Amino acid sequence: MNTVNLVYFSWVRERIGKGEETLDLPAGVVTVGDLLAHLKTLGAEYESALEHQNVIRAAINQEHVDHGEPIAGAREIALFPPMTGG
């Protein structure tokens, strides 16, 4: 298992009901996309927050990444909605 600190922002945080948490991830969770799919299985609040997971943005150790990015070695993974404005 891989232990990772997750940080949630904006309406992702509001829907999940917490700003951050530390989770032990199963071995099959290898990429950001895998993480999003796994989180959706943790309860209705996660499913609601990540319902349209293709719009969710992610950062690993404060660097923006796409959903195919491996999460091995990540100290922190942040999940947030698309940014708006200029």
PDB file of N, CA and C in Angstrom:
ATOM      1  N   MET A   1       0.837  -1.194   0.000  1.00  0.00           N
ATOM      2  CA  MET A   1       0.000   0.000   0.000  1.00  0.00           C
ATOM      3  C   MET A   1       0.870   1.242   0.000  1.00  0.00           C
ATOM      4  N   ASN A   2       0.355   2.251  -0.655  1.00  0.00           N
ATOM      5  CA  ASN A   2       1.016   3.539  -0.750  1.00  0.00           C
ATOM      6  C   ASN A   2       0.201   4.538   0.064  1.00  0.00           C
ATOM      7  N   THR A   3       0.830   5.213   1.013  1.00  0.00           N
ATOM      8  CA  THR A   3       0.146   6.217   1.808  1.00  0.00           C
ATOM      9  C   THR A   3       0.389   7.578   1.176  1.00  0.00           C
ATOM     10  N   VAL A   4      -0.679   8.347   0.991  1.00  0.00           N
ATOM     11  CA  VAL A   4      -0.553   9.645   0.339  1.00  0.00           C
ATOM     12  C   VAL A   4      -1.433  10.672   1.050  1.00  0.00           C
ATOM     13  N   ASN A   5      -0.950  11.900   1.079  1.00  0.00           N
ATOM     14  CA  ASN A   5      -1.719  13.014   1.633  1.00  0.00           C
ATOM     15  C   ASN A   5      -2.481  13.667   0.485  1.00  0.00           C
ATOM     16  N   LEU A   6      -3.792  13.730   0.624  1.00  0.00           N
ATOM     17  CA  LEU A   6      -4.645  14.338  -0.395  1.00  0.00           C
ATOM     18  C   LEU A   6      -5.157  15.674   0.115  1.00  0.00           C
ATOM     19  N   VAL A   7      -5.163  16.661  -0.771  1.00  0.00           N
ATOM     20  CA  VAL A   7      -5.659  17.989  -0.447  1.00  0.00           C
ATOM     21  C   VAL A   7      -6.730  18.334  -1.475  1.00  0.00           C
ATOM     22  N   TYR A   8      -7.874  18.826  -0.988  1.00  0.00           N
ATOM     23  CA  TYR A   8      -9.011  19.146  -1.858  1.00  0.00           C
ATOM     24  C   TYR A   8      -9.274  20.643  -1.826  1.00  0.00           C
ATOM     25  N   PHE A   9      -9.629  21.208  -2.981  1.00  0.00           N
ATOM     26  CA  PHE A   9      -9.873  22.644  -3.085  1.00  0.00           C
ATOM     27  C   PHE A   9     -11.250  22.941  -3.679  1.00  0.00           C
ATOM     28  N   SER A  10     -11.760  24.123  -3.351  1.00  0.00           N
ATOM     29  CA  SER A  10     -12.984  24.690  -3.916  1.00  0.00           C
ATOM     30  C   SER A  10     -14.167  23.743  -3.741  1.00  0.00           C
ATOM     31  N   TRP A  11     -14.968  23.560  -4.794  1.00  0.00           N
ATOM     32  CA  TRP A  11     -16.164  22.729  -4.622  1.00  0.00           C
ATOM     33  C   TRP A  11     -15.847  21.253  -4.455  1.00  0.00           C
ATOM     34  N   VAL A  12     -14.655  20.817  -4.826  1.00  0.00           N
ATOM     35  CA  VAL A  12     -14.266  19.430  -4.526  1.00  0.00           C
ATOM     36  C   VAL A  12     -14.217  19.258  -3.004  1.00  0.00           C
ATOM     37  N   ARG A  13     -13.590  20.210  -2.325  1.00  0.00           N
ATOM     38  CA  ARG A  13     -13.515  20.185  -0.860  1.00  0.00           C
ATOM     39  C   ARG A  13     -14.905  20.276  -0.234  1.00  0.00           C
ATOM     40  N   GLU A  14     -15.722  21.169  -0.754  1.00  0.00           N
ATOM     41  CA  GLU A  14     -17.070  21.358  -0.197  1.00  0.00           C
ATOM     42  C   GLU A  14     -17.910  20.093  -0.319  1.00  0.00           C
ATOM     43  N   ARG A  15     -17.837  19.428  -1.447  1.00  0.00           N
ATOM     44  CA  ARG A  15     -18.652  18.220  -1.644  1.00  0.00           C
ATOM     45  C   ARG A  15     -18.144  17.036  -0.834  1.00  0.00           C
ATOM     46  N   ILE A  16     -16.823  16.903  -0.728  1.00  0.00           N
ATOM     47  CA  ILE A  16     -16.271  15.791   0.052  1.00  0.00           C
ATOM     48  C   ILE A  16     -16.440  16.051   1.544  1.00  0.00           C
ATOM     49  N   GLY A  17     -16.397  17.326   1.928  1.00  0.00           N
ATOM     50  CA  GLY A  17     -16.623  17.686   3.322  1.00  0.00           C
ATOM     51  C   GLY A  17     -15.365  17.770   4.166  1.00  0.00           C
ATOM     52  N   LYS A  18     -14.209  17.779   3.510  1.00  0.00           N
ATOM     53  CA  LYS A  18     -12.944  17.936   4.238  1.00  0.00           C
ATOM     54  C   LYS A  18     -11.912  18.539   3.305  1.00  0.00           C
ATOM     55  N   GLY A  19     -10.951  19.217   3.886  1.00  0.00           N
ATOM     56  CA  GLY A  19      -9.929  19.884   3.090  1.00  0.00           C
ATOM     57  C   GLY A  19      -8.741  19.006   2.758  1.00  0.00           C
ATOM     58  N   GLU A  20      -8.493  18.026   3.618  1.00  0.00           N
ATOM     59  CA  GLU A  20      -7.389  17.108   3.342  1.00  0.00           C
ATOM     60  C   GLU A  20      -7.545  15.841   4.159  1.00  0.00           C
ATOM     61  N   GLU A  21      -6.824  14.824   3.719  1.00  0.00           N
ATOM     62  CA  GLU A  21      -6.813  13.547   4.438  1.00  0.00           C
ATOM     63  C   GLU A  21      -5.624  12.734   3.967  1.00  0.00           C
ATOM     64  N   THR A  22      -5.258  11.767   4.784  1.00  0.00           N
ATOM     65  CA  THR A  22      -4.197  10.829   4.423  1.00  0.00           C
ATOM     66  C   THR A  22      -4.845   9.469   4.225  1.00  0.00           C
ATOM     67  N   LEU A  23      -4.569   8.854   3.079  1.00  0.00           N
ATOM     68  CA  LEU A  23      -5.164   7.561   2.749  1.00  0.00           C
ATOM     69  C   LEU A  23      -4.103   6.539   2.401  1.00  0.00           C
ATOM     70  N   ASP A  24      -4.382   5.294   2.714  1.00  0.00           N
ATOM     71  CA  ASP A  24      -3.597   4.162   2.229  1.00  0.00           C
ATOM     72  C   ASP A  24      -4.254   3.679   0.950  1.00  0.00           C
ATOM     73  N   LEU A  25      -3.516   3.711  -0.136  1.00  0.00           N
ATOM     74  CA  LEU A  25      -4.074   3.339  -1.434  1.00  0.00           C
ATOM     75  C   LEU A  25      -3.721   1.902  -1.781  1.00  0.00           C
ATOM     76  N   PRO A  26      -4.672   1.169  -2.369  1.00  0.00           N
ATOM     77  CA  PRO A  26      -4.382  -0.194  -2.797  1.00  0.00           C
ATOM     78  C   PRO A  26      -3.336  -0.216  -3.920  1.00  0.00           C
ATOM     79  N   ALA A  27      -2.694  -1.349  -4.097  1.00  0.00           N
ATOM     80  CA  ALA A  27      -1.611  -1.487  -5.073  1.00  0.00           C
ATOM     81  C   ALA A  27      -2.044  -1.149  -6.497  1.00  0.00           C
ATOM     82  N   GLY A  28      -3.309  -1.360  -6.833  1.00  0.00           N
ATOM     83  CA  GLY A  28      -3.781  -1.103  -8.189  1.00  0.00           C
ATOM     84  C   GLY A  28      -3.937   0.360  -8.540  1.00  0.00           C
ATOM     85  N   VAL A  29      -3.790   1.242  -7.560  1.00  0.00           N
ATOM     86  CA  VAL A  29      -3.919   2.683  -7.807  1.00  0.00           C
ATOM     87  C   VAL A  29      -2.531   3.204  -8.173  1.00  0.00           C
ATOM     88  N   VAL A  30      -2.323   3.400  -9.490  1.00  0.00           N
ATOM     89  CA  VAL A  30      -0.995   3.715  -9.998  1.00  0.00           C
ATOM     90  C   VAL A  30      -0.913   5.136 -10.567  1.00  0.00           C
ATOM     91  N   THR A  31      -2.009   5.611 -11.150  1.00  0.00           N
ATOM     92  CA  THR A  31      -2.020   6.930 -11.790  1.00  0.00           C
ATOM     93  C   THR A  31      -3.045   7.832 -11.117  1.00  0.00           C
ATOM     94  N   VAL A  32      -3.022   9.104 -11.493  1.00  0.00           N
ATOM     95  CA  VAL A  32      -4.034  10.045 -10.991  1.00  0.00           C
ATOM     96  C   VAL A  32      -5.430   9.561 -11.367  1.00  0.00           C
ATOM     97  N   GLY A  33      -5.599   9.055 -12.575  1.00  0.00           N
ATOM     98  CA  GLY A  33      -6.899   8.540 -13.006  1.00  0.00           C
ATOM     99  C   GLY A  33      -7.364   7.376 -12.144  1.00  0.00           C
ATOM    100  N   ASP A  34      -6.435   6.481 -11.802  1.00  0.00           N
ATOM    101  CA  ASP A  34      -6.762   5.369 -10.907  1.00  0.00           C
ATOM    102  C   ASP A  34      -7.192   5.894  -9.541  1.00  0.00           C
ATOM    103  N   LEU A  35      -6.496   6.924  -9.060  1.00  0.00           N
ATOM    104  CA  LEU A  35      -6.829   7.515  -7.767  1.00  0.00           C
ATOM    105  C   LEU A  35      -8.245   8.074  -7.779  1.00  0.00           C
ATOM    106  N   LEU A  36      -8.590   8.805  -8.828  1.00  0.00           N
ATOM    107  CA  LEU A  36      -9.937   9.374  -8.915  1.00  0.00           C
ATOM    108  C   LEU A  36     -10.990   8.276  -8.920  1.00  0.00           C
ATOM    109  N   ALA A  37     -10.747   7.215  -9.685  1.00  0.00           N
ATOM    110  CA  ALA A  37     -11.698   6.099  -9.731  1.00  0.00           C
ATOM    111  C   ALA A  37     -11.820   5.441  -8.357  1.00  0.00           C
ATOM    112  N   HIS A  38     -10.700   5.286  -7.651  1.00  0.00           N
ATOM    113  CA  HIS A  38     -10.724   4.686  -6.313  1.00  0.00           C
ATOM    114  C   HIS A  38     -11.493   5.573  -5.329  1.00  0.00           C
ATOM    115  N   LEU A  39     -11.228   6.864  -5.364  1.00  0.00           N
ATOM    116  CA  LEU A  39     -11.904   7.772  -4.436  1.00  0.00           C
ATOM    117  C   LEU A  39     -13.420   7.727  -4.606  1.00  0.00           C
ATOM    118  N   LYS A  40     -13.880   7.569  -5.840  1.00  0.00           N
ATOM    119  CA  LYS A  40     -15.327   7.526  -6.095  1.00  0.00           C
ATOM    120  C   LYS A  40     -15.998   6.338  -5.419  1.00  0.00           C
ATOM    121  N   THR A  41     -15.210   5.330  -5.020  1.00  0.00           N
ATOM    122  CA  THR A  41     -15.787   4.157  -4.350  1.00  0.00           C
ATOM    123  C   THR A  41     -15.885   4.350  -2.837  1.00  0.00           C
ATOM    124  N   LEU A  42     -15.401   5.477  -2.312  1.00  0.00           N
ATOM    125  CA  LEU A  42     -15.328   5.669  -0.865  1.00  0.00           C
ATOM    126  C   LEU A  42     -16.598   6.242  -0.246  1.00  0.00           C
ATOM    127  N   GLY A  43     -17.579   6.587  -1.068  1.00  0.00           N
ATOM    128  CA  GLY A  43     -18.824   7.099  -0.507  1.00  0.00           C
ATOM    129  C   GLY A  43     -19.493   8.093  -1.435  1.00  0.00           C
ATOM    130  N   ALA A  44     -20.746   8.403  -1.125  1.00  0.00           N
ATOM    131  CA  ALA A  44     -21.557   9.282  -1.967  1.00  0.00           C
ATOM    132  C   ALA A  44     -20.937  10.663  -2.118  1.00  0.00           C
ATOM    133  N   GLU A  45     -20.300  11.163  -1.046  1.00  0.00           N
ATOM    134  CA  GLU A  45     -19.715  12.505  -1.128  1.00  0.00           C
ATOM    135  C   GLU A  45     -18.558  12.551  -2.121  1.00  0.00           C
ATOM    136  N   TYR A  46     -17.757  11.489  -2.181  1.00  0.00           N
ATOM    137  CA  TYR A  46     -16.668  11.422  -3.157  1.00  0.00           C
ATOM    138  C   TYR A  46     -17.228  11.260  -4.564  1.00  0.00           C
ATOM    139  N   GLU A  47     -18.229  10.419  -4.676  1.00  0.00           N
ATOM    140  CA  GLU A  47     -18.844  10.191  -5.983  1.00  0.00           C
ATOM    141  C   GLU A  47     -19.417  11.490  -6.533  1.00  0.00           C
ATOM    142  N   SER A  48     -20.045  12.281  -5.668  1.00  0.00           N
ATOM    143  CA  SER A  48     -20.603  13.567  -6.078  1.00  0.00           C
ATOM    144  C   SER A  48     -19.500  14.535  -6.493  1.00  0.00           C
ATOM    145  N   ALA A  49     -18.457  14.630  -5.697  1.00  0.00           N
ATOM    146  CA  ALA A  49     -17.373  15.573  -5.974  1.00  0.00           C
ATOM    147  C   ALA A  49     -16.629  15.225  -7.262  1.00  0.00           C
ATOM    148  N   LEU A  50     -16.516  13.932  -7.549  1.00  0.00           N
ATOM    149  CA  LEU A  50     -15.700  13.480  -8.679  1.00  0.00           C
ATOM    150  C   LEU A  50     -16.541  12.913  -9.812  1.00  0.00           C
ATOM    151  N   GLU A  51     -17.827  13.251  -9.802  1.00  0.00           N
ATOM    152  CA  GLU A  51     -18.767  12.711 -10.787  1.00  0.00           C
ATOM    153  C   GLU A  51     -18.265  12.922 -12.219  1.00  0.00           C
ATOM    154  N   HIS A  52     -17.745  14.090 -12.505  1.00  0.00           N
ATOM    155  CA  HIS A  52     -17.213  14.404 -13.841  1.00  0.00           C
ATOM    156  C   HIS A  52     -15.688  14.455 -13.727  1.00  0.00           C
ATOM    157  N   GLN A  53     -15.093  13.291 -13.492  1.00  0.00           N
ATOM    158  CA  GLN A  53     -13.675  13.264 -13.157  1.00  0.00           C
ATOM    159  C   GLN A  53     -12.788  13.812 -14.262  1.00  0.00           C
ATOM    160  N   ASN A  54     -13.279  13.852 -15.510  1.00  0.00           N
ATOM    161  CA  ASN A  54     -12.459  14.383 -16.595  1.00  0.00           C
ATOM    162  C   ASN A  54     -12.176  15.873 -16.447  1.00  0.00           C
ATOM    163  N   VAL A  55     -12.982  16.609 -15.666  1.00  0.00           N
ATOM    164  CA  VAL A  55     -12.725  18.040 -15.474  1.00  0.00           C
ATOM    165  C   VAL A  55     -11.870  18.321 -14.241  1.00  0.00           C
ATOM    166  N   ILE A  56     -11.668  17.322 -13.397  1.00  0.00           N
ATOM    167  CA  ILE A  56     -10.886  17.517 -12.180  1.00  0.00           C
ATOM    168  C   ILE A  56      -9.412  17.687 -12.541  1.00  0.00           C
ATOM    169  N   ARG A  57      -8.802  18.702 -11.978  1.00  0.00           N
ATOM    170  CA  ARG A  57      -7.374  18.950 -12.175  1.00  0.00           C
ATOM    171  C   ARG A  57      -6.610  18.369 -10.991  1.00  0.00           C
ATOM    172  N   ALA A  58      -5.347  18.040 -11.233  1.00  0.00           N
ATOM    173  CA  ALA A  58      -4.534  17.437 -10.181  1.00  0.00           C
ATOM    174  C   ALA A  58      -3.134  18.044 -10.178  1.00  0.00           C
ATOM    175  N   ALA A  59      -2.545  18.036  -8.990  1.00  0.00           N
ATOM    176  CA  ALA A  59      -1.145  18.430  -8.841  1.00  0.00           C
ATOM    177  C   ALA A  59      -0.486  17.423  -7.901  1.00  0.00           C
ATOM    178  N   ILE A  60       0.700  16.989  -8.280  1.00  0.00           N
ATOM    179  CA  ILE A  60       1.497  16.108  -7.430  1.00  0.00           C
ATOM    180  C   ILE A  60       2.685  16.925  -6.940  1.00  0.00           C
ATOM    181  N   ASN A  61       2.827  16.993  -5.611  1.00  0.00           N
ATOM    182  CA  ASN A  61       3.912  17.782  -5.003  1.00  0.00           C
ATOM    183  C   ASN A  61       3.953  19.191  -5.598  1.00  0.00           C
ATOM    184  N   GLN A  62       2.769  19.777  -5.758  1.00  0.00           N
ATOM    185  CA  GLN A  62       2.550  21.150  -6.207  1.00  0.00           C
ATOM    186  C   GLN A  62       2.918  21.401  -7.668  1.00  0.00           C
ATOM    187  N   GLU A  63       2.946  20.334  -8.489  1.00  0.00           N
ATOM    188  CA  GLU A  63       3.151  20.489  -9.925  1.00  0.00           C
ATOM    189  C   GLU A  63       1.958  19.905 -10.654  1.00  0.00           C
ATOM    190  N   HIS A  64       1.366  20.692 -11.555  1.00  0.00           N
ATOM    191  CA  HIS A  64       0.198  20.237 -12.304  1.00  0.00           C
ATOM    192  C   HIS A  64       0.558  19.025 -13.154  1.00  0.00           C
ATOM    193  N   VAL A  65      -0.347  18.035 -13.147  1.00  0.00           N
ATOM    194  CA  VAL A  65      -0.129  16.807 -13.917  1.00  0.00           C
ATOM    195  C   VAL A  65      -1.437  16.387 -14.582  1.00  0.00           C
ATOM    196  N   ASP A  66      -1.325  15.505 -15.584  1.00  0.00           N
ATOM    197  CA  ASP A  66      -2.543  14.977 -16.194  1.00  0.00           C
ATOM    198  C   ASP A  66      -2.928  13.663 -15.525  1.00  0.00           C
ATOM    199  N   HIS A  67      -4.074  13.132 -15.912  1.00  0.00           N
ATOM    200  CA  HIS A  67      -4.624  11.954 -15.227  1.00  0.00           C
ATOM    201  C   HIS A  67      -3.820  10.680 -15.467  1.00  0.00           C
ATOM    202  N   GLY A  68      -2.952  10.675 -16.462  1.00  0.00           N
ATOM    203  CA  GLY A  68      -2.122   9.510 -16.727  1.00  0.00           C
ATOM    204  C   GLY A  68      -0.830   9.492 -15.928  1.00  0.00           C
ATOM    205  N   GLU A  69      -0.597  10.533 -15.152  1.00  0.00           N
ATOM    206  CA  GLU A  69       0.662  10.660 -14.398  1.00  0.00           C
ATOM    207  C   GLU A  69       0.736   9.622 -13.279  1.00  0.00           C
ATOM    208  N   PRO A  70       1.865   8.891 -13.173  1.00  0.00           N
ATOM    209  CA  PRO A  70       2.038   7.955 -12.056  1.00  0.00           C
ATOM    210  C   PRO A  70       2.109   8.710 -10.728  1.00  0.00           C
ATOM    211  N   ILE A  71       1.568   8.107  -9.677  1.00  0.00           N
ATOM    212  CA  ILE A  71       1.562   8.763  -8.364  1.00  0.00           C
ATOM    213  C   ILE A  71       2.614   8.199  -7.416  1.00  0.00           C
ATOM    214  N   ALA A  72       3.410   7.242  -7.875  1.00  0.00           N
ATOM    215  CA  ALA A  72       4.446   6.645  -7.016  1.00  0.00           C
ATOM    216  C   ALA A  72       5.371   7.739  -6.491  1.00  0.00           C
ATOM    217  N   GLY A  73       5.626   7.711  -5.194  1.00  0.00           N
ATOM    218  CA  GLY A  73       6.526   8.679  -4.587  1.00  0.00           C
ATOM    219  C   GLY A  73       5.897  10.020  -4.267  1.00  0.00           C
ATOM    220  N   ALA A  74       4.626  10.189  -4.574  1.00  0.00           N
ATOM    221  CA  ALA A  74       3.959  11.469  -4.294  1.00  0.00           C
ATOM    222  C   ALA A  74       3.835  11.681  -2.792  1.00  0.00           C
ATOM    223  N   ARG A  75       4.227  12.863  -2.331  1.00  0.00           N
ATOM    224  CA  ARG A  75       4.027  13.231  -0.930  1.00  0.00           C
ATOM    225  C   ARG A  75       2.649  13.860  -0.749  1.00  0.00           C
ATOM    226  N   GLU A  76       2.236  14.619  -1.766  1.00  0.00           N
ATOM    227  CA  GLU A  76       0.948  15.305  -1.699  1.00  0.00           C
ATOM    228  C   GLU A  76       0.308  15.309  -3.075  1.00  0.00           C
ATOM    229  N   ILE A  77      -0.992  15.017  -3.097  1.00  0.00           N
ATOM    230  CA  ILE A  77      -1.760  15.114  -4.338  1.00  0.00           C
ATOM    231  C   ILE A  77      -2.921  16.056  -4.067  1.00  0.00           C
ATOM    232  N   ALA A  78      -3.006  17.111  -4.864  1.00  0.00           N
ATOM    233  CA  ALA A  78      -4.092  18.076  -4.733  1.00  0.00           C
ATOM    234  C   ALA A  78      -5.090  17.852  -5.856  1.00  0.00           C
ATOM    235  N   LEU A  79      -6.369  17.926  -5.517  1.00  0.00           N
ATOM    236  CA  LEU A  79      -7.441  17.784  -6.506  1.00  0.00           C
ATOM    237  C   LEU A  79      -8.301  19.043  -6.451  1.00  0.00           C
ATOM    238  N   PHE A  80      -8.602  19.595  -7.637  1.00  0.00           N
ATOM    239  CA  PHE A  80      -9.362  20.838  -7.676  1.00  0.00           C
ATOM    240  C   PHE A  80     -10.101  20.950  -9.002  1.00  0.00           C
ATOM    241  N   PRO A  81     -11.152  21.786  -9.031  1.00  0.00           N
ATOM    242  CA  PRO A  81     -11.901  21.968 -10.275  1.00  0.00           C
ATOM    243  C   PRO A  81     -11.104  22.813 -11.252  1.00  0.00           C
ATOM    244  N   PRO A  82     -11.594  22.927 -12.508  1.00  0.00           N
ATOM    245  CA  PRO A  82     -10.913  23.769 -13.482  1.00  0.00           C
ATOM    246  C   PRO A  82     -10.854  25.209 -12.988  1.00  0.00           C
ATOM    247  N   MET A  83      -9.772  25.872 -13.320  1.00  0.00           N
ATOM    248  CA  MET A  83      -9.642  27.273 -12.939  1.00  0.00           C
ATOM    249  C   MET A  83     -10.314  28.139 -14.000  1.00  0.00           C
ATOM    250  N   THR A  84     -10.915  29.212 -13.539  1.00  0.00           N
ATOM    251  CA  THR A  84     -11.555  30.132 -14.474  1.00  0.00           C
ATOM    252  C   THR A  84     -10.899  31.487 -14.365  1.00  0.00           C
ATOM    253  N   GLY A  85     -11.178  32.334 -15.313  1.00  0.00           N
ATOM    254  CA  GLY A  85     -10.613  33.672 -15.281  1.00  0.00           C
ATOM    255  C   GLY A  85      -9.315  33.743 -16.043  1.00  0.00           C
ATOM    256  N   GLY A  86      -8.669  34.891 -15.954  1.00  0.00           N
ATOM    257  CA  GLY A  86      -7.455  35.081 -16.748  1.00  0.00           C
ATOM    258  C   GLY A  86      -6.326  35.599 -15.957  1.00  0.00           C
TER     259      GLY A  86
END
